């Protein structure tokens, strides 16, 4: 069973690696990543902006190097791509 994980911890790992936050301004998302707590044992990571697939691949590599378990998924009906991050 996966252990508890906090969105703030994943966010800190990504900012330490030089990734910038995505912010909602003027009706649009600025390029960058966002994290969302999906439960006590899962954090979802999204990337907003051009090169979404490449950025998510890079983030996956970095999080796995830190010992986290990462699964790339897509929301139902062709929705947003995301990374589901857990602690093994």
N, C-alpha and C. Protein backbone atom coordinates (compact mmCIF):
# COMPACT_ATOMS: atom_id res chain seq x y z
N UNK A 1 0.85 -1.18 0.00
CA UNK A 1 0.00 0.00 0.00
C UNK A 1 0.89 1.24 0.00
N UNK A 2 0.50 2.24 -0.77
CA UNK A 2 1.26 3.48 -0.86
C UNK A 2 1.20 4.24 0.47
N UNK A 3 2.25 5.01 0.72
CA UNK A 3 2.30 5.84 1.92
C UNK A 3 1.75 7.23 1.62
N UNK A 4 1.47 7.96 2.67
CA UNK A 4 0.95 9.32 2.51
C UNK A 4 1.95 10.21 1.79
N UNK A 5 1.41 11.15 1.01
CA UNK A 5 2.23 12.10 0.27
C UNK A 5 1.49 13.43 0.26
N UNK A 6 2.23 14.53 0.30
CA UNK A 6 1.63 15.86 0.31
C UNK A 6 1.96 16.59 -0.99
N UNK A 7 0.98 17.32 -1.50
CA UNK A 7 1.18 18.11 -2.71
C UNK A 7 2.32 19.10 -2.51
N UNK A 8 2.43 19.66 -1.32
CA UNK A 8 3.50 20.64 -1.05
C UNK A 8 4.89 20.01 -1.21
N UNK A 9 5.04 18.74 -0.86
CA UNK A 9 6.33 18.07 -1.01
C UNK A 9 6.70 17.88 -2.48
N UNK A 10 5.72 17.49 -3.29
CA UNK A 10 5.95 17.32 -4.72
C UNK A 10 6.24 18.68 -5.35
N UNK A 11 5.49 19.67 -4.96
CA UNK A 11 5.69 21.04 -5.47
C UNK A 11 7.12 21.52 -5.17
N UNK A 12 7.58 21.27 -3.96
CA UNK A 12 8.94 21.68 -3.56
C UNK A 12 10.00 20.95 -4.39
N UNK A 13 9.80 19.65 -4.63
CA UNK A 13 10.75 18.90 -5.46
C UNK A 13 10.85 19.49 -6.86
N UNK A 14 9.71 19.86 -7.43
CA UNK A 14 9.70 20.39 -8.79
C UNK A 14 10.29 21.80 -8.86
N UNK A 15 10.00 22.63 -7.87
CA UNK A 15 10.59 23.97 -7.89
C UNK A 15 12.09 23.90 -7.65
N UNK A 16 12.54 22.96 -6.83
CA UNK A 16 13.98 22.77 -6.62
C UNK A 16 14.68 22.34 -7.90
N UNK A 17 13.95 21.68 -8.81
CA UNK A 17 14.50 21.25 -10.09
C UNK A 17 14.40 22.36 -11.15
N UNK A 18 13.87 23.52 -10.76
CA UNK A 18 13.81 24.66 -11.67
C UNK A 18 12.53 24.81 -12.46
N UNK A 19 11.51 24.03 -12.15
CA UNK A 19 10.23 24.16 -12.84
C UNK A 19 9.44 25.32 -12.25
N UNK A 20 8.74 26.05 -13.13
CA UNK A 20 7.93 27.18 -12.68
C UNK A 20 6.47 26.80 -12.54
N UNK A 21 5.77 27.57 -11.73
CA UNK A 21 4.34 27.35 -11.51
C UNK A 21 3.52 27.87 -12.68
N UNK A 22 2.39 27.27 -12.90
CA UNK A 22 1.41 27.77 -13.84
C UNK A 22 0.45 28.65 -13.05
N UNK A 23 0.15 29.82 -13.60
CA UNK A 23 -0.77 30.72 -12.91
C UNK A 23 -1.86 31.16 -13.87
N UNK A 24 -3.05 31.36 -13.33
CA UNK A 24 -4.19 31.79 -14.13
C UNK A 24 -4.22 33.31 -14.14
N UNK A 25 -3.97 33.90 -15.32
CA UNK A 25 -3.99 35.35 -15.47
C UNK A 25 -4.68 35.72 -16.77
N UNK A 26 -5.46 36.76 -16.75
CA UNK A 26 -6.13 37.29 -17.93
C UNK A 26 -6.91 36.21 -18.68
N UNK A 27 -7.55 35.31 -17.94
CA UNK A 27 -8.38 34.28 -18.56
C UNK A 27 -7.62 33.11 -19.16
N UNK A 28 -6.31 33.01 -18.93
CA UNK A 28 -5.50 31.92 -19.47
C UNK A 28 -4.52 31.43 -18.42
N UNK A 29 -4.05 30.18 -18.62
CA UNK A 29 -3.01 29.63 -17.77
C UNK A 29 -1.65 29.96 -18.37
N UNK A 30 -0.75 30.53 -17.55
CA UNK A 30 0.64 30.73 -17.97
C UNK A 30 1.34 29.38 -17.96
N UNK A 31 2.31 29.14 -18.84
CA UNK A 31 3.01 27.85 -18.87
C UNK A 31 3.66 27.53 -17.53
N UNK A 32 3.57 26.27 -17.16
CA UNK A 32 4.18 25.79 -15.92
C UNK A 32 3.41 24.60 -15.39
N UNK A 33 3.80 24.15 -14.20
CA UNK A 33 3.16 22.98 -13.61
C UNK A 33 2.20 23.39 -12.50
N UNK A 34 1.28 22.49 -12.21
CA UNK A 34 0.36 22.62 -11.08
C UNK A 34 0.29 21.27 -10.38
N UNK A 35 0.09 21.29 -9.07
CA UNK A 35 -0.12 20.05 -8.33
C UNK A 35 -1.46 20.13 -7.62
N UNK A 36 -2.08 18.97 -7.44
CA UNK A 36 -3.36 18.90 -6.74
C UNK A 36 -3.38 17.65 -5.88
N UNK A 37 -3.78 17.80 -4.64
CA UNK A 37 -3.91 16.66 -3.74
C UNK A 37 -5.11 15.84 -4.19
N UNK A 38 -4.90 14.56 -4.49
CA UNK A 38 -5.98 13.69 -4.97
C UNK A 38 -6.45 12.72 -3.89
N UNK A 39 -5.94 12.87 -2.72
CA UNK A 39 -6.25 11.99 -1.60
C UNK A 39 -5.01 11.92 -0.72
N UNK A 40 -5.09 11.24 0.39
CA UNK A 40 -3.93 11.21 1.29
C UNK A 40 -2.72 10.48 0.73
N UNK A 41 -2.92 9.66 -0.30
CA UNK A 41 -1.83 8.85 -0.84
C UNK A 41 -1.52 9.14 -2.31
N UNK A 42 -2.08 10.23 -2.85
CA UNK A 42 -1.83 10.54 -4.27
C UNK A 42 -1.85 12.04 -4.52
N UNK A 43 -0.91 12.48 -5.35
CA UNK A 43 -0.85 13.86 -5.81
C UNK A 43 -0.88 13.81 -7.33
N UNK A 44 -1.68 14.69 -7.95
CA UNK A 44 -1.70 14.79 -9.40
C UNK A 44 -0.88 16.00 -9.83
N UNK A 45 -0.11 15.82 -10.91
CA UNK A 45 0.70 16.90 -11.47
C UNK A 45 0.21 17.16 -12.89
N UNK A 46 -0.03 18.42 -13.20
CA UNK A 46 -0.46 18.85 -14.53
C UNK A 46 0.58 19.81 -15.08
N UNK A 47 0.66 19.91 -16.41
CA UNK A 47 1.50 20.92 -17.04
C UNK A 47 0.62 21.71 -17.99
N UNK A 48 0.67 23.03 -17.88
CA UNK A 48 -0.09 23.93 -18.75
C UNK A 48 0.89 24.61 -19.69
N UNK A 49 0.59 24.58 -20.97
CA UNK A 49 1.42 25.29 -21.93
C UNK A 49 1.92 24.40 -23.04
N UNK A 50 2.69 24.99 -23.96
CA UNK A 50 3.21 24.22 -25.09
C UNK A 50 4.17 23.12 -24.63
N UNK A 51 4.21 22.05 -25.38
CA UNK A 51 5.11 20.95 -25.05
C UNK A 51 4.69 20.16 -23.83
N UNK A 52 3.37 20.07 -23.63
CA UNK A 52 2.84 19.39 -22.44
C UNK A 52 3.40 17.98 -22.29
N UNK A 53 3.37 17.18 -23.35
CA UNK A 53 3.82 15.79 -23.28
C UNK A 53 5.30 15.71 -22.92
N UNK A 54 6.12 16.56 -23.53
CA UNK A 54 7.56 16.55 -23.25
C UNK A 54 7.84 16.98 -21.82
N UNK A 55 7.14 17.99 -21.36
CA UNK A 55 7.34 18.47 -19.99
C UNK A 55 6.93 17.42 -18.96
N UNK A 56 5.80 16.75 -19.21
CA UNK A 56 5.37 15.70 -18.28
C UNK A 56 6.36 14.53 -18.27
N UNK A 57 6.95 14.22 -19.42
CA UNK A 57 7.97 13.17 -19.47
C UNK A 57 9.19 13.56 -18.64
N UNK A 58 9.63 14.81 -18.77
CA UNK A 58 10.78 15.29 -17.99
C UNK A 58 10.48 15.27 -16.50
N UNK A 59 9.28 15.70 -16.13
CA UNK A 59 8.88 15.71 -14.72
C UNK A 59 8.81 14.28 -14.18
N UNK A 60 8.31 13.35 -14.99
CA UNK A 60 8.25 11.94 -14.59
C UNK A 60 9.64 11.43 -14.25
N UNK A 61 10.59 11.70 -15.11
CA UNK A 61 11.98 11.25 -14.91
C UNK A 61 12.54 11.81 -13.61
N UNK A 62 12.31 13.09 -13.36
CA UNK A 62 12.85 13.73 -12.16
C UNK A 62 12.21 13.19 -10.89
N UNK A 63 10.90 12.98 -10.90
CA UNK A 63 10.23 12.46 -9.71
C UNK A 63 10.63 11.01 -9.43
N UNK A 64 10.77 10.22 -10.48
CA UNK A 64 11.21 8.83 -10.28
C UNK A 64 12.63 8.78 -9.73
N UNK A 65 13.48 9.71 -10.15
CA UNK A 65 14.85 9.77 -9.63
C UNK A 65 14.87 10.08 -8.13
N UNK A 66 13.80 10.71 -7.65
CA UNK A 66 13.67 11.02 -6.22
C UNK A 66 12.99 9.89 -5.45
N UNK A 67 12.71 8.78 -6.13
CA UNK A 67 12.14 7.61 -5.45
C UNK A 67 10.63 7.55 -5.41
N UNK A 68 9.96 8.41 -6.16
CA UNK A 68 8.50 8.40 -6.18
C UNK A 68 7.98 7.52 -7.31
N UNK A 69 6.78 7.01 -7.14
CA UNK A 69 6.13 6.19 -8.16
C UNK A 69 5.24 7.12 -8.99
N UNK A 70 5.43 7.11 -10.31
CA UNK A 70 4.69 8.03 -11.19
C UNK A 70 4.02 7.23 -12.31
N UNK A 71 2.72 7.50 -12.51
CA UNK A 71 1.96 6.88 -13.59
C UNK A 71 1.32 8.00 -14.41
N UNK A 72 1.59 8.00 -15.71
CA UNK A 72 0.98 8.99 -16.60
C UNK A 72 -0.43 8.50 -16.96
N UNK A 73 -1.42 9.37 -16.80
CA UNK A 73 -2.80 9.04 -17.13
C UNK A 73 -3.43 10.20 -17.88
N UNK A 74 -4.65 9.98 -18.32
CA UNK A 74 -5.41 11.05 -18.96
C UNK A 74 -6.82 11.01 -18.40
N UNK A 75 -7.38 12.16 -18.13
CA UNK A 75 -8.72 12.22 -17.59
C UNK A 75 -9.72 11.67 -18.61
N UNK A 76 -10.86 11.25 -18.13
CA UNK A 76 -11.89 10.65 -18.98
C UNK A 76 -12.27 11.52 -20.17
N UNK A 77 -12.69 10.84 -21.24
CA UNK A 77 -13.21 11.47 -22.45
C UNK A 77 -12.24 12.46 -23.08
N UNK A 78 -10.97 12.06 -23.17
CA UNK A 78 -9.97 12.90 -23.83
C UNK A 78 -9.58 14.14 -23.03
N UNK A 79 -9.72 14.06 -21.72
CA UNK A 79 -9.40 15.20 -20.85
C UNK A 79 -7.90 15.42 -20.71
N UNK A 80 -7.56 16.18 -19.71
CA UNK A 80 -6.18 16.57 -19.46
C UNK A 80 -5.27 15.39 -19.14
N UNK A 81 -4.04 15.49 -19.61
CA UNK A 81 -3.01 14.53 -19.20
C UNK A 81 -2.56 14.92 -17.80
N UNK A 82 -2.17 13.93 -17.04
CA UNK A 82 -1.69 14.20 -15.68
C UNK A 82 -0.75 13.10 -15.25
N UNK A 83 -0.02 13.37 -14.21
CA UNK A 83 0.83 12.37 -13.58
C UNK A 83 0.23 12.07 -12.21
N UNK A 84 0.06 10.80 -11.92
CA UNK A 84 -0.39 10.39 -10.59
C UNK A 84 0.85 9.98 -9.81
N UNK A 85 1.13 10.70 -8.76
CA UNK A 85 2.37 10.50 -8.00
C UNK A 85 2.04 9.93 -6.63
N UNK A 86 2.73 8.85 -6.26
CA UNK A 86 2.56 8.22 -4.96
C UNK A 86 3.94 7.87 -4.38
N UNK A 87 3.95 7.56 -3.11
CA UNK A 87 5.17 7.04 -2.48
C UNK A 87 5.05 5.52 -2.45
N UNK A 88 6.10 4.83 -2.88
CA UNK A 88 6.03 3.35 -2.87
C UNK A 88 5.99 2.79 -1.45
